[in-house]
Amino acid sequence: MPPSAARSGGGPKPGRRKKRRGRRLKTVDETSAGGLVLDGEQRAAVIGRLDRRGRLLWSLPKGHIEAGETAEQTAVREVAEETGIHSRVLRPLGSIDYWFVADDRRVHKTVHHFLLEALGGELSDEDVEVTEVAWVPLGELDERLAYADERRLVRRAAELLADRCRNGAESA
């Protein structure tokens, strides 16, 4: 079909979004927690999920805060559920917030991230939301992670760890 025929039905011009008339999306807030879990070799457990186009996108494990849970408890639980790794929180890393539309709702999502230490467990992709899991060296996460906000948190964690090593070496 020629391009002109595709537009003759009164649809929007290419590159423009249809305006939603008379209908406003309900706005909801969602809060999740997760983080950067490191083993003794400075490798991070990351998860891969397929996007709508079938691309594998790597990210830090995270999930919804359940009723009665703290953000720290959620981070530990979600890391275990999504990676198989048991961990403990060392410190907060920061929060990320973003907007998206799903199920006719406009969602404002806040994710609290923590730096976690791996205590045990086996890397596993048994969680239905996860396609793959991997241990990735801390220095390679900037290339691997799909989301810029998570890459910024990882760089911050690397700086904190480097400062801790320098300060530890000076006091030894």
N, C-alpha and C. Protein backbone atom coordinates (compact mmCIF):
# COMPACT_ATOMS: atom_id res chain seq x y z
N MET A 1 0.85 -1.17 0.00
CA MET A 1 0.00 0.00 0.00
C MET A 1 0.90 1.23 0.00
N PRO A 2 0.64 2.20 -0.89
CA PRO A 2 1.46 3.41 -0.92
C PRO A 2 1.29 4.20 0.38
N PRO A 3 2.33 4.97 0.76
CA PRO A 3 2.27 5.72 2.02
C PRO A 3 1.06 6.64 2.10
N SER A 4 0.68 7.25 0.99
CA SER A 4 -0.45 8.17 1.03
C SER A 4 -1.74 7.45 1.36
N ALA A 5 -1.88 6.20 0.91
CA ALA A 5 -3.09 5.43 1.18
C ALA A 5 -3.18 5.07 2.65
N ALA A 6 -2.03 4.85 3.27
CA ALA A 6 -2.02 4.48 4.69
C ALA A 6 -2.53 5.62 5.56
N ARG A 7 -2.34 6.86 5.12
CA ARG A 7 -2.76 8.00 5.93
C ARG A 7 -4.13 8.50 5.55
N SER A 8 -4.69 8.06 4.46
CA SER A 8 -5.93 8.64 3.97
C SER A 8 -7.11 8.35 4.88
N GLY A 9 -6.97 7.39 5.80
CA GLY A 9 -8.06 7.06 6.70
C GLY A 9 -8.20 8.04 7.85
N GLY A 10 -7.50 9.16 7.82
CA GLY A 10 -7.63 10.16 8.86
C GLY A 10 -6.81 9.88 10.10
N GLY A 11 -5.93 8.90 10.05
CA GLY A 11 -5.08 8.56 11.20
C GLY A 11 -4.02 9.61 11.43
N PRO A 12 -3.27 9.44 12.49
CA PRO A 12 -2.21 10.42 12.79
C PRO A 12 -1.10 10.36 11.75
N LYS A 13 -0.41 11.48 11.60
CA LYS A 13 0.73 11.52 10.70
C LYS A 13 1.85 10.69 11.30
N PRO A 14 2.71 10.13 10.45
CA PRO A 14 3.83 9.34 10.99
C PRO A 14 4.64 10.16 11.98
N GLY A 15 5.08 9.49 13.06
CA GLY A 15 5.92 10.16 14.06
C GLY A 15 5.14 10.92 15.10
N ARG A 16 3.82 10.98 14.98
CA ARG A 16 3.02 11.68 15.98
C ARG A 16 2.16 10.70 16.76
N ARG A 17 1.97 11.00 18.02
CA ARG A 17 1.14 10.14 18.85
C ARG A 17 -0.30 10.58 18.76
N LYS A 18 -1.19 9.62 18.86
CA LYS A 18 -2.61 9.93 18.93
C LYS A 18 -2.91 10.58 20.26
N LYS A 19 -3.69 11.62 20.25
CA LYS A 19 -4.09 12.24 21.50
C LYS A 19 -5.23 11.44 22.11
N ARG A 20 -5.17 11.26 23.41
CA ARG A 20 -6.25 10.57 24.11
C ARG A 20 -7.28 11.63 24.48
N ARG A 21 -8.44 11.48 23.95
CA ARG A 21 -9.47 12.49 24.20
C ARG A 21 -10.48 11.97 25.21
N GLY A 22 -10.74 12.81 26.20
CA GLY A 22 -11.78 12.50 27.15
C GLY A 22 -11.43 11.40 28.15
N ARG A 23 -10.23 10.86 28.10
CA ARG A 23 -9.88 9.77 29.01
C ARG A 23 -8.53 10.07 29.66
N ARG A 24 -8.54 10.12 30.97
CA ARG A 24 -7.29 10.33 31.69
C ARG A 24 -6.91 9.02 32.35
N LEU A 25 -5.63 8.71 32.27
CA LEU A 25 -5.14 7.50 32.91
C LEU A 25 -5.06 7.70 34.41
N LYS A 26 -5.40 6.66 35.15
CA LYS A 26 -5.25 6.69 36.59
C LYS A 26 -3.77 6.64 36.91
N THR A 27 -3.32 7.48 37.82
CA THR A 27 -1.91 7.50 38.23
C THR A 27 -1.76 6.74 39.54
N VAL A 28 -0.79 5.84 39.58
CA VAL A 28 -0.52 5.07 40.80
C VAL A 28 0.97 5.14 41.13
N ASP A 29 1.27 5.00 42.40
CA ASP A 29 2.66 4.94 42.86
C ASP A 29 2.99 3.50 43.21
N GLU A 30 4.18 3.06 42.81
CA GLU A 30 4.67 1.73 43.17
C GLU A 30 6.07 1.90 43.76
N THR A 31 6.37 1.07 44.76
CA THR A 31 7.69 1.12 45.38
C THR A 31 8.31 -0.26 45.39
N SER A 32 9.56 -0.34 44.98
CA SER A 32 10.30 -1.59 44.94
C SER A 32 11.65 -1.39 45.61
N ALA A 33 12.34 -2.51 45.81
CA ALA A 33 13.69 -2.45 46.37
C ALA A 33 14.51 -3.60 45.81
N GLY A 34 15.80 -3.40 45.78
CA GLY A 34 16.72 -4.41 45.28
C GLY A 34 18.12 -3.88 45.42
N GLY A 35 19.01 -4.39 44.57
CA GLY A 35 20.33 -3.82 44.67
C GLY A 35 21.43 -4.57 43.99
N LEU A 36 22.61 -4.13 44.34
CA LEU A 36 23.86 -4.65 43.80
C LEU A 36 24.45 -5.61 44.82
N VAL A 37 24.38 -6.92 44.49
CA VAL A 37 24.92 -7.94 45.40
C VAL A 37 26.25 -8.40 44.85
N LEU A 38 27.29 -8.30 45.69
CA LEU A 38 28.65 -8.64 45.28
C LEU A 38 29.16 -9.86 46.05
N ASP A 39 29.93 -10.68 45.35
CA ASP A 39 30.58 -11.81 46.01
C ASP A 39 31.99 -11.38 46.43
N GLY A 40 32.78 -12.29 46.97
CA GLY A 40 34.13 -11.99 47.45
C GLY A 40 35.11 -11.64 46.35
N GLU A 41 34.75 -11.91 45.10
CA GLU A 41 35.63 -11.61 43.96
C GLU A 41 35.22 -10.33 43.22
N GLN A 42 34.37 -9.52 43.87
CA GLN A 42 33.88 -8.27 43.28
C GLN A 42 33.12 -8.51 41.98
N ARG A 43 32.32 -9.59 41.99
CA ARG A 43 31.41 -9.85 40.88
C ARG A 43 30.00 -9.60 41.38
N ALA A 44 29.15 -9.11 40.48
CA ALA A 44 27.76 -8.80 40.82
C ALA A 44 26.82 -9.82 40.19
N ALA A 45 25.80 -10.21 40.93
CA ALA A 45 24.76 -11.08 40.40
C ALA A 45 23.73 -10.19 39.70
N VAL A 46 23.56 -10.39 38.40
CA VAL A 46 22.61 -9.59 37.61
C VAL A 46 21.61 -10.52 36.95
N ILE A 47 20.47 -9.94 36.58
CA ILE A 47 19.41 -10.72 35.95
C ILE A 47 19.16 -10.21 34.53
N GLY A 48 18.77 -11.11 33.66
CA GLY A 48 18.41 -10.76 32.30
C GLY A 48 16.94 -11.08 32.07
N ARG A 49 16.23 -10.12 31.50
CA ARG A 49 14.82 -10.31 31.16
C ARG A 49 14.63 -9.93 29.69
N LEU A 50 13.71 -10.61 29.04
CA LEU A 50 13.41 -10.29 27.65
C LEU A 50 12.44 -9.12 27.60
N ASP A 51 12.74 -8.14 26.75
CA ASP A 51 11.80 -7.04 26.57
C ASP A 51 10.75 -7.43 25.52
N ARG A 52 9.87 -6.50 25.19
CA ARG A 52 8.79 -6.78 24.24
C ARG A 52 9.29 -7.15 22.86
N ARG A 53 10.49 -6.73 22.53
CA ARG A 53 11.07 -7.04 21.21
C ARG A 53 11.92 -8.30 21.23
N GLY A 54 11.99 -8.96 22.39
CA GLY A 54 12.77 -10.18 22.50
C GLY A 54 14.24 -9.97 22.79
N ARG A 55 14.63 -8.74 23.12
CA ARG A 55 16.03 -8.46 23.48
C ARG A 55 16.26 -8.78 24.95
N LEU A 56 17.41 -9.35 25.26
CA LEU A 56 17.77 -9.64 26.64
C LEU A 56 18.37 -8.38 27.26
N LEU A 57 17.71 -7.85 28.29
CA LEU A 57 18.17 -6.66 28.98
C LEU A 57 18.63 -7.04 30.38
N TRP A 58 19.86 -6.66 30.72
CA TRP A 58 20.45 -6.99 32.01
C TRP A 58 20.18 -5.87 33.00
N SER A 59 19.85 -6.25 34.23
CA SER A 59 19.57 -5.25 35.26
C SER A 59 19.90 -5.83 36.64
N LEU A 60 19.78 -4.98 37.63
CA LEU A 60 19.95 -5.40 39.02
C LEU A 60 18.65 -6.04 39.49
N PRO A 61 18.73 -7.05 40.35
CA PRO A 61 17.51 -7.66 40.87
C PRO A 61 16.73 -6.68 41.75
N LYS A 62 15.41 -6.74 41.64
CA LYS A 62 14.55 -5.85 42.41
C LYS A 62 13.11 -6.33 42.33
N GLY A 63 12.27 -5.86 43.25
CA GLY A 63 10.86 -6.23 43.21
C GLY A 63 10.05 -5.43 44.21
N HIS A 64 8.75 -5.65 44.17
CA HIS A 64 7.81 -4.90 45.01
C HIS A 64 8.02 -5.16 46.49
N ILE A 65 7.85 -4.10 47.26
CA ILE A 65 7.89 -4.20 48.71
C ILE A 65 6.54 -4.78 49.16
N GLU A 66 6.60 -5.88 49.91
CA GLU A 66 5.39 -6.53 50.42
C GLU A 66 4.94 -5.85 51.71
N ALA A 67 3.67 -6.01 52.06
CA ALA A 67 3.12 -5.43 53.29
C ALA A 67 3.93 -5.90 54.49
N GLY A 68 4.32 -4.97 55.34
CA GLY A 68 5.07 -5.30 56.55
C GLY A 68 6.56 -5.43 56.36
N GLU A 69 7.05 -5.29 55.12
CA GLU A 69 8.49 -5.41 54.84
C GLU A 69 9.15 -4.03 54.80
N THR A 70 10.40 -3.99 55.22
CA THR A 70 11.20 -2.79 55.00
C THR A 70 11.82 -2.89 53.61
N ALA A 71 12.33 -1.78 53.11
CA ALA A 71 13.01 -1.81 51.81
C ALA A 71 14.22 -2.74 51.86
N GLU A 72 14.95 -2.75 52.98
CA GLU A 72 16.11 -3.62 53.12
C GLU A 72 15.71 -5.09 53.07
N GLN A 73 14.64 -5.45 53.77
CA GLN A 73 14.16 -6.84 53.74
C GLN A 73 13.74 -7.24 52.33
N THR A 74 13.09 -6.32 51.64
CA THR A 74 12.68 -6.60 50.26
C THR A 74 13.89 -6.83 49.37
N ALA A 75 14.91 -6.01 49.52
CA ALA A 75 16.11 -6.16 48.69
C ALA A 75 16.72 -7.54 48.88
N VAL A 76 16.85 -7.98 50.12
CA VAL A 76 17.42 -9.30 50.41
C VAL A 76 16.53 -10.39 49.82
N ARG A 77 15.21 -10.28 50.01
CA ARG A 77 14.28 -11.30 49.51
C ARG A 77 14.30 -11.36 47.98
N GLU A 78 14.25 -10.21 47.34
CA GLU A 78 14.22 -10.18 45.87
C GLU A 78 15.52 -10.69 45.25
N VAL A 79 16.64 -10.35 45.86
CA VAL A 79 17.92 -10.88 45.37
C VAL A 79 17.90 -12.40 45.43
N ALA A 80 17.41 -12.95 46.55
CA ALA A 80 17.35 -14.41 46.70
C ALA A 80 16.37 -15.02 45.69
N GLU A 81 15.20 -14.41 45.54
CA GLU A 81 14.20 -14.97 44.62
C GLU A 81 14.67 -14.93 43.17
N GLU A 82 15.28 -13.82 42.78
CA GLU A 82 15.62 -13.64 41.37
C GLU A 82 16.98 -14.19 40.98
N THR A 83 17.88 -14.39 41.95
CA THR A 83 19.22 -14.87 41.60
C THR A 83 19.61 -16.17 42.30
N GLY A 84 18.92 -16.52 43.39
CA GLY A 84 19.31 -17.69 44.18
C GLY A 84 20.39 -17.39 45.21
N ILE A 85 20.82 -16.13 45.29
CA ILE A 85 21.92 -15.75 46.19
C ILE A 85 21.36 -15.15 47.48
N HIS A 86 21.83 -15.66 48.62
CA HIS A 86 21.46 -15.13 49.93
C HIS A 86 22.46 -14.03 50.26
N SER A 87 21.96 -12.94 50.83
CA SER A 87 22.82 -11.78 51.03
C SER A 87 22.40 -11.00 52.26
N ARG A 88 23.20 -9.99 52.56
CA ARG A 88 22.86 -9.05 53.62
C ARG A 88 23.16 -7.65 53.11
N VAL A 89 22.39 -6.68 53.60
CA VAL A 89 22.56 -5.28 53.20
C VAL A 89 23.78 -4.70 53.91
N LEU A 90 24.63 -4.04 53.12
CA LEU A 90 25.78 -3.32 53.68
C LEU A 90 25.46 -1.84 53.87
N ARG A 91 24.78 -1.26 52.87
CA ARG A 91 24.45 0.17 52.95
C ARG A 91 23.50 0.55 51.83
N PRO A 92 22.78 1.66 51.98
CA PRO A 92 21.94 2.15 50.88
C PRO A 92 22.83 2.69 49.76
N LEU A 93 22.36 2.53 48.52
CA LEU A 93 23.08 3.08 47.36
C LEU A 93 22.37 4.29 46.77
N GLY A 94 21.07 4.32 46.90
CA GLY A 94 20.30 5.42 46.33
C GLY A 94 18.99 4.90 45.76
N SER A 95 18.17 5.84 45.33
CA SER A 95 16.86 5.49 44.77
C SER A 95 16.75 6.02 43.35
N ILE A 96 15.97 5.32 42.57
CA ILE A 96 15.70 5.69 41.17
C ILE A 96 14.19 5.81 41.06
N ASP A 97 13.72 6.83 40.34
CA ASP A 97 12.28 6.86 40.07
C ASP A 97 12.06 7.16 38.60
N TYR A 98 10.98 6.60 38.07
CA TYR A 98 10.65 6.76 36.66
C TYR A 98 9.16 6.53 36.47
N TRP A 99 8.67 6.89 35.29
CA TRP A 99 7.26 6.75 34.93
C TRP A 99 7.12 5.80 33.77
N PHE A 100 6.00 5.05 33.75
CA PHE A 100 5.66 4.23 32.60
C PHE A 100 4.15 4.01 32.60
N VAL A 101 3.64 3.53 31.48
CA VAL A 101 2.21 3.24 31.36
C VAL A 101 2.05 1.74 31.20
N ALA A 102 1.14 1.17 32.01
CA ALA A 102 0.84 -0.26 31.92
C ALA A 102 -0.59 -0.49 32.38
N ASP A 103 -1.28 -1.36 31.69
CA ASP A 103 -2.66 -1.72 32.08
C ASP A 103 -3.54 -0.49 32.27
N ASP A 104 -3.48 0.44 31.34
CA ASP A 104 -4.27 1.67 31.40
C ASP A 104 -4.06 2.47 32.68
N ARG A 105 -2.83 2.39 33.20
CA ARG A 105 -2.45 3.17 34.37
C ARG A 105 -1.14 3.87 34.09
N ARG A 106 -0.99 5.04 34.63
CA ARG A 106 0.27 5.76 34.59
C ARG A 106 0.96 5.48 35.92
N VAL A 107 2.13 4.84 35.86
CA VAL A 107 2.79 4.37 37.08
C VAL A 107 4.02 5.21 37.37
N HIS A 108 4.09 5.71 38.60
CA HIS A 108 5.30 6.37 39.09
C HIS A 108 5.99 5.36 40.00
N LYS A 109 7.13 4.87 39.55
CA LYS A 109 7.84 3.79 40.25
C LYS A 109 9.07 4.36 40.94
N THR A 110 9.25 3.99 42.20
CA THR A 110 10.45 4.33 42.96
C THR A 110 11.12 3.03 43.37
N VAL A 111 12.40 2.90 43.09
CA VAL A 111 13.15 1.70 43.44
C VAL A 111 14.31 2.10 44.35
N HIS A 112 14.31 1.52 45.56
CA HIS A 112 15.39 1.76 46.52
C HIS A 112 16.44 0.68 46.33
N HIS A 113 17.69 1.11 46.10
CA HIS A 113 18.78 0.17 45.85
C HIS A 113 19.76 0.16 47.01
N PHE A 114 20.30 -1.04 47.26
CA PHE A 114 21.25 -1.23 48.35
C PHE A 114 22.47 -1.97 47.83
N LEU A 115 23.58 -1.77 48.52
CA LEU A 115 24.77 -2.57 48.28
C LEU A 115 24.67 -3.76 49.22
N LEU A 116 24.75 -4.98 48.65
CA LEU A 116 24.59 -6.20 49.43
C LEU A 116 25.82 -7.09 49.28
N GLU A 117 26.08 -7.86 50.31
CA GLU A 117 27.16 -8.83 50.31
C GLU A 117 26.57 -10.23 50.17
N ALA A 118 27.07 -10.99 49.19
CA ALA A 118 26.61 -12.37 49.00
C ALA A 118 27.12 -13.23 50.15
N LEU A 119 26.22 -14.02 50.73
CA LEU A 119 26.58 -14.89 51.85
C LEU A 119 26.60 -16.36 51.45
N GLY A 120 25.89 -16.70 50.39
CA GLY A 120 25.82 -18.09 49.96
C GLY A 120 24.72 -18.27 48.94
N GLY A 121 24.42 -19.52 48.67
CA GLY A 121 23.41 -19.84 47.66
C GLY A 121 24.06 -20.17 46.33
N GLU A 122 23.25 -20.57 45.39
CA GLU A 122 23.70 -20.93 44.05
C GLU A 122 23.00 -20.04 43.05
N LEU A 123 23.73 -19.51 42.10
CA LEU A 123 23.13 -18.69 41.06
C LEU A 123 22.08 -19.52 40.32
N SER A 124 20.85 -18.98 40.22
CA SER A 124 19.74 -19.73 39.64
C SER A 124 18.78 -18.79 38.92
N ASP A 125 18.28 -19.25 37.77
CA ASP A 125 17.28 -18.46 37.03
C ASP A 125 15.89 -19.09 37.11
N GLU A 126 15.59 -19.72 38.25
CA GLU A 126 14.31 -20.41 38.40
C GLU A 126 13.12 -19.47 38.52
N ASP A 127 13.33 -18.22 38.90
CA ASP A 127 12.23 -17.25 38.99
C ASP A 127 11.62 -17.06 37.60
N VAL A 128 10.30 -17.12 37.51
CA VAL A 128 9.62 -17.03 36.21
C VAL A 128 9.81 -15.67 35.54
N GLU A 129 10.13 -14.63 36.32
CA GLU A 129 10.33 -13.30 35.75
C GLU A 129 11.72 -13.11 35.17
N VAL A 130 12.60 -14.09 35.40
CA VAL A 130 14.00 -13.95 35.01
C VAL A 130 14.32 -14.94 33.90
N THR A 131 14.98 -14.45 32.84
CA THR A 131 15.39 -15.31 31.72
C THR A 131 16.77 -15.90 31.97
N GLU A 132 17.70 -15.07 32.46
CA GLU A 132 19.07 -15.51 32.73
C GLU A 132 19.60 -14.80 33.96
N VAL A 133 20.58 -15.40 34.60
CA VAL A 133 21.33 -14.75 35.69
C VAL A 133 22.80 -14.97 35.41
N ALA A 134 23.62 -14.06 35.92
CA ALA A 134 25.06 -14.18 35.69
C ALA A 134 25.83 -13.43 36.76
N TRP A 135 27.04 -13.92 37.03
CA TRP A 135 28.01 -13.17 37.82
C TRP A 135 28.81 -12.34 36.83
N VAL A 136 28.86 -11.04 37.04
CA VAL A 136 29.58 -10.14 36.13
C VAL A 136 30.57 -9.33 36.96
N PRO A 137 31.85 -9.26 36.54
CA PRO A 137 32.81 -8.44 37.27
C PRO A 137 32.31 -7.00 37.40
N LEU A 138 32.51 -6.43 38.56
CA LEU A 138 32.05 -5.06 38.84
C LEU A 138 32.46 -4.10 37.73
N GLY A 139 33.69 -4.21 37.23
CA GLY A 139 34.19 -3.31 36.20
C GLY A 139 33.52 -3.47 34.84
N GLU A 140 32.77 -4.54 34.63
CA GLU A 140 32.09 -4.77 33.35
C GLU A 140 30.61 -4.41 33.37
N LEU A 141 30.10 -4.02 34.53
CA LEU A 141 28.67 -3.73 34.64
C LEU A 141 28.24 -2.53 33.82
N ASP A 142 29.13 -1.55 33.68
CA ASP A 142 28.78 -0.35 32.92
C ASP A 142 28.43 -0.70 31.47
N GLU A 143 29.08 -1.72 30.95
CA GLU A 143 28.79 -2.17 29.58
C GLU A 143 27.59 -3.10 29.52
N ARG A 144 27.33 -3.83 30.59
CA ARG A 144 26.31 -4.87 30.57
C ARG A 144 24.91 -4.38 30.92
N LEU A 145 24.81 -3.50 31.93
CA LEU A 145 23.50 -3.08 32.40
C LEU A 145 22.77 -2.23 31.36
N ALA A 146 21.48 -2.48 31.21
CA ALA A 146 20.68 -1.81 30.18
C ALA A 146 20.26 -0.40 30.56
N TYR A 147 20.19 -0.09 31.85
CA TYR A 147 19.59 1.18 32.28
C TYR A 147 20.63 2.13 32.86
N ALA A 148 20.63 3.35 32.36
CA ALA A 148 21.62 4.36 32.75
C ALA A 148 21.58 4.65 34.25
N ASP A 149 20.39 4.71 34.84
CA ASP A 149 20.30 5.00 36.28
C ASP A 149 20.97 3.91 37.11
N GLU A 150 20.83 2.66 36.69
CA GLU A 150 21.49 1.57 37.40
C GLU A 150 23.00 1.62 37.20
N ARG A 151 23.44 2.00 36.01
CA ARG A 151 24.88 2.14 35.77
C ARG A 151 25.47 3.22 36.68
N ARG A 152 24.74 4.32 36.88
CA ARG A 152 25.20 5.38 37.78
C ARG A 152 25.32 4.86 39.22
N LEU A 153 24.35 4.07 39.67
CA LEU A 153 24.42 3.51 41.02
C LEU A 153 25.62 2.58 41.17
N VAL A 154 25.90 1.80 40.15
CA VAL A 154 27.04 0.87 40.20
C VAL A 154 28.35 1.66 40.26
N ARG A 155 28.45 2.74 39.49
CA ARG A 155 29.67 3.58 39.55
C ARG A 155 29.82 4.17 40.95
N ARG A 156 28.71 4.58 41.56
CA ARG A 156 28.76 5.12 42.93
C ARG A 156 29.24 4.03 43.90
N ALA A 157 28.72 2.81 43.74
CA ALA A 157 29.14 1.71 44.61
C ALA A 157 30.62 1.43 44.44
N ALA A 158 31.12 1.45 43.21
CA ALA A 158 32.54 1.20 42.95
C ALA A 158 33.40 2.26 43.64
N GLU A 159 32.94 3.52 43.62
CA GLU A 159 33.67 4.59 44.30
C GLU A 159 33.66 4.37 45.81
N LEU A 160 32.51 3.99 46.36
CA LEU A 160 32.43 3.73 47.81
C LEU A 160 33.35 2.58 48.21
N LEU A 161 33.38 1.54 47.40
CA LEU A 161 34.24 0.40 47.70
C LEU A 161 35.72 0.78 47.58
N ALA A 162 36.06 1.59 46.59
CA ALA A 162 37.45 2.03 46.43
C ALA A 162 37.86 2.90 47.61
N ASP A 163 36.96 3.79 48.05
CA ASP A 163 37.25 4.63 49.22
C ASP A 163 37.46 3.77 50.46
N ARG A 164 36.61 2.75 50.62
CA ARG A 164 36.72 1.87 51.78
C ARG A 164 38.06 1.12 51.76
N CYS A 165 38.49 0.69 50.58
CA CYS A 165 39.78 -0.01 50.46
C CYS A 165 40.93 0.94 50.77
N ARG A 166 40.86 2.17 50.24
CA ARG A 166 41.94 3.15 50.49
C ARG A 166 42.00 3.48 51.97
N ASN A 167 40.84 3.72 52.59
CA ASN A 167 40.81 4.07 54.00
C ASN A 167 41.25 2.88 54.86
N GLY A 168 40.88 1.68 54.47
CA GLY A 168 41.29 0.48 55.18
C GLY A 168 42.78 0.26 55.10
N ALA A 169 43.37 0.56 53.91
CA ALA A 169 44.80 0.39 53.70
C ALA A 169 45.58 1.44 54.51
N GLU A 170 45.03 2.67 54.61
CA GLU A 170 45.71 3.72 55.35
C GLU A 170 45.72 3.44 56.83
N SER A 171 44.64 2.82 57.34
CA SER A 171 44.56 2.59 58.78
C SER A 171 45.23 1.29 59.21
N ALA A 172 45.69 0.49 58.24
CA ALA A 172 46.34 -0.80 58.58
C ALA A 172 47.77 -0.63 58.97
